[in-house]
């Protein structure tokens, strides 16, 4: 497991990426432009569904890292077997 310094660096990275993705999404939705550039990547309105999915993934990653920094452990998966008695 990474230490707090590494977790903070990862959190800063994902927050910056999330901010860029949200800015691109809003610029494309407003309709004032036909395409938007993030670094070397060009996005158009046809990329909105994929961009929305990336935003949701980045939000989940930010939430996960914030929870780790606050001392909460990731949720454990478990299975439930329904039985007919």
C-alpha atoms as a PDB file:
ATOM      1  CA  UNK A   1       0.000   0.000   0.000  1.00  0.00           C
ATOM      2  CA  UNK A   2       1.222   3.476  -0.819  1.00  0.00           C
ATOM      3  CA  UNK A   3       2.084   6.009   1.853  1.00  0.00           C
ATOM      4  CA  UNK A   4       0.189   9.258   2.406  1.00  0.00           C
ATOM      5  CA  UNK A   5       2.561  11.307   0.235  1.00  0.00           C
ATOM      6  CA  UNK A   6       2.011   9.003  -2.727  1.00  0.00           C
ATOM      7  CA  UNK A   7      -1.740   8.940  -2.157  1.00  0.00           C
ATOM      8  CA  UNK A   8      -1.803  12.753  -2.039  1.00  0.00           C
ATOM      9  CA  UNK A   9       0.151  12.912  -5.329  1.00  0.00           C
ATOM     10  CA  UNK A  10      -2.258  10.468  -6.969  1.00  0.00           C
ATOM     11  CA  UNK A  11      -5.229  12.413  -5.665  1.00  0.00           C
ATOM     12  CA  UNK A  12      -3.846  15.690  -7.039  1.00  0.00           C
ATOM     13  CA  UNK A  13      -3.271  14.027 -10.411  1.00  0.00           C
ATOM     14  CA  UNK A  14      -6.800  12.648 -10.640  1.00  0.00           C
ATOM     15  CA  UNK A  15      -8.362  15.904  -9.463  1.00  0.00           C
ATOM     16  CA  UNK A  16      -6.484  17.794 -12.194  1.00  0.00           C
ATOM     17  CA  UNK A  17      -7.527  15.231 -14.806  1.00  0.00           C
ATOM     18  CA  UNK A  18     -11.132  15.421 -13.614  1.00  0.00           C
ATOM     19  CA  UNK A  19     -11.113  19.203 -13.860  1.00  0.00           C
ATOM     20  CA  UNK A  20      -9.856  19.030 -17.467  1.00  0.00           C
ATOM     21  CA  UNK A  21     -12.455  16.416 -18.411  1.00  0.00           C
ATOM     22  CA  UNK A  22     -15.284  18.451 -16.904  1.00  0.00           C
ATOM     23  CA  UNK A  23     -14.114  21.612 -18.670  1.00  0.00           C
ATOM     24  CA  UNK A  24     -14.010  19.771 -22.005  1.00  0.00           C
ATOM     25  CA  UNK A  25     -17.456  18.266 -21.451  1.00  0.00           C
ATOM     26  CA  UNK A  26     -19.037  21.606 -20.584  1.00  0.00           C
ATOM     27  CA  UNK A  27     -17.383  23.340 -23.538  1.00  0.00           C
ATOM     28  CA  UNK A  28     -18.734  20.727 -25.933  1.00  0.00           C
ATOM     29  CA  UNK A  29     -22.212  20.704 -24.403  1.00  0.00           C
ATOM     30  CA  UNK A  30     -22.561  24.491 -24.514  1.00  0.00           C
ATOM     31  CA  UNK A  31     -22.211  24.292 -28.279  1.00  0.00           C
ATOM     32  CA  UNK A  32     -19.977  27.301 -28.740  1.00  0.00           C
ATOM     33  CA  UNK A  33     -17.216  25.170 -30.237  1.00  0.00           C
ATOM     34  CA  UNK A  34     -17.031  22.170 -32.569  1.00  0.00           C
ATOM     35  CA  UNK A  35     -13.991  20.524 -31.041  1.00  0.00           C
ATOM     36  CA  UNK A  36     -11.944  20.770 -27.860  1.00  0.00           C
ATOM     37  CA  UNK A  37      -8.291  19.918 -27.257  1.00  0.00           C
ATOM     38  CA  UNK A  38      -6.971  18.287 -24.075  1.00  0.00           C
ATOM     39  CA  UNK A  39      -3.199  18.249 -24.449  1.00  0.00           C
ATOM     40  CA  UNK A  40      -2.754  16.341 -27.745  1.00  0.00           C
ATOM     41  CA  UNK A  41      -6.238  14.815 -27.827  1.00  0.00           C
ATOM     42  CA  UNK A  42      -9.019  16.364 -29.896  1.00  0.00           C
ATOM     43  CA  UNK A  43     -12.617  15.817 -28.778  1.00  0.00           C
ATOM     44  CA  UNK A  44     -15.867  16.492 -30.622  1.00  0.00           C
ATOM     45  CA  UNK A  45     -19.527  16.185 -29.694  1.00  0.00           C
ATOM     46  CA  UNK A  46     -19.453  12.577 -30.861  1.00  0.00           C
ATOM     47  CA  UNK A  47     -17.066  11.863 -27.981  1.00  0.00           C
ATOM     48  CA  UNK A  48     -19.510  13.005 -25.273  1.00  0.00           C
ATOM     49  CA  UNK A  49     -20.631   9.497 -24.153  1.00  0.00           C
ATOM     50  CA  UNK A  50     -17.026   8.314 -23.836  1.00  0.00           C
ATOM     51  CA  UNK A  51     -16.109  11.553 -22.089  1.00  0.00           C
ATOM     52  CA  UNK A  52     -18.979  11.091 -19.621  1.00  0.00           C
ATOM     53  CA  UNK A  53     -17.744   7.571 -18.832  1.00  0.00           C
ATOM     54  CA  UNK A  54     -14.208   8.892 -18.243  1.00  0.00           C
ATOM     55  CA  UNK A  55     -15.567  11.568 -15.906  1.00  0.00           C
ATOM     56  CA  UNK A  56     -17.456   8.961 -13.887  1.00  0.00           C
ATOM     57  CA  UNK A  57     -14.336   6.772 -13.645  1.00  0.00           C
ATOM     58  CA  UNK A  58     -12.210   9.736 -12.550  1.00  0.00           C
ATOM     59  CA  UNK A  59     -14.801  10.723  -9.923  1.00  0.00           C
ATOM     60  CA  UNK A  60     -14.780   7.168  -8.556  1.00  0.00           C
ATOM     61  CA  UNK A  61     -10.978   7.191  -8.423  1.00  0.00           C
ATOM     62  CA  UNK A  62     -10.934  10.553  -6.596  1.00  0.00           C
ATOM     63  CA  UNK A  63     -13.501   9.266  -4.078  1.00  0.00           C
ATOM     64  CA  UNK A  64     -11.470   6.096  -3.515  1.00  0.00           C
ATOM     65  CA  UNK A  65      -8.237   8.020  -2.935  1.00  0.00           C
ATOM     66  CA  UNK A  66      -9.932  10.493  -0.578  1.00  0.00           C
ATOM     67  CA  UNK A  67     -11.295   7.575   1.443  1.00  0.00           C
ATOM     68  CA  UNK A  68      -7.847   5.988   1.628  1.00  0.00           C
ATOM     69  CA  UNK A  69      -6.355   9.274   2.841  1.00  0.00           C
ATOM     70  CA  UNK A  70      -9.043   9.529   5.516  1.00  0.00           C
ATOM     71  CA  UNK A  71      -8.224   6.056   6.774  1.00  0.00           C
ATOM     72  CA  UNK A  72     -11.146   4.142   5.318  1.00  0.00           C
ATOM     73  CA  UNK A  73     -10.326   0.830   3.689  1.00  0.00           C
ATOM     74  CA  UNK A  74     -11.730  -0.216   0.320  1.00  0.00           C
ATOM     75  CA  UNK A  75     -14.911  -2.204   0.490  1.00  0.00           C
ATOM     76  CA  UNK A  76     -14.549  -5.946   0.446  1.00  0.00           C
ATOM     77  CA  UNK A  77     -16.533  -8.002  -1.992  1.00  0.00           C
ATOM     78  CA  UNK A  78     -18.532 -10.906  -0.682  1.00  0.00           C
ATOM     79  CA  UNK A  79     -21.043 -13.274  -2.125  1.00  0.00           C
ATOM     80  CA  UNK A  80     -24.480 -14.258  -0.942  1.00  0.00           C
ATOM     81  CA  UNK A  81     -25.804 -17.680  -1.795  1.00  0.00           C
ATOM     82  CA  UNK A  82     -29.594 -17.832  -1.681  1.00  0.00           C
ATOM     83  CA  UNK A  83     -30.861 -21.193  -0.479  1.00  0.00           C
ATOM     84  CA  UNK A  84     -34.276 -22.676  -0.655  1.00  0.00           C
ATOM     85  CA  UNK A  85     -34.918 -24.504   2.623  1.00  0.00           C
END
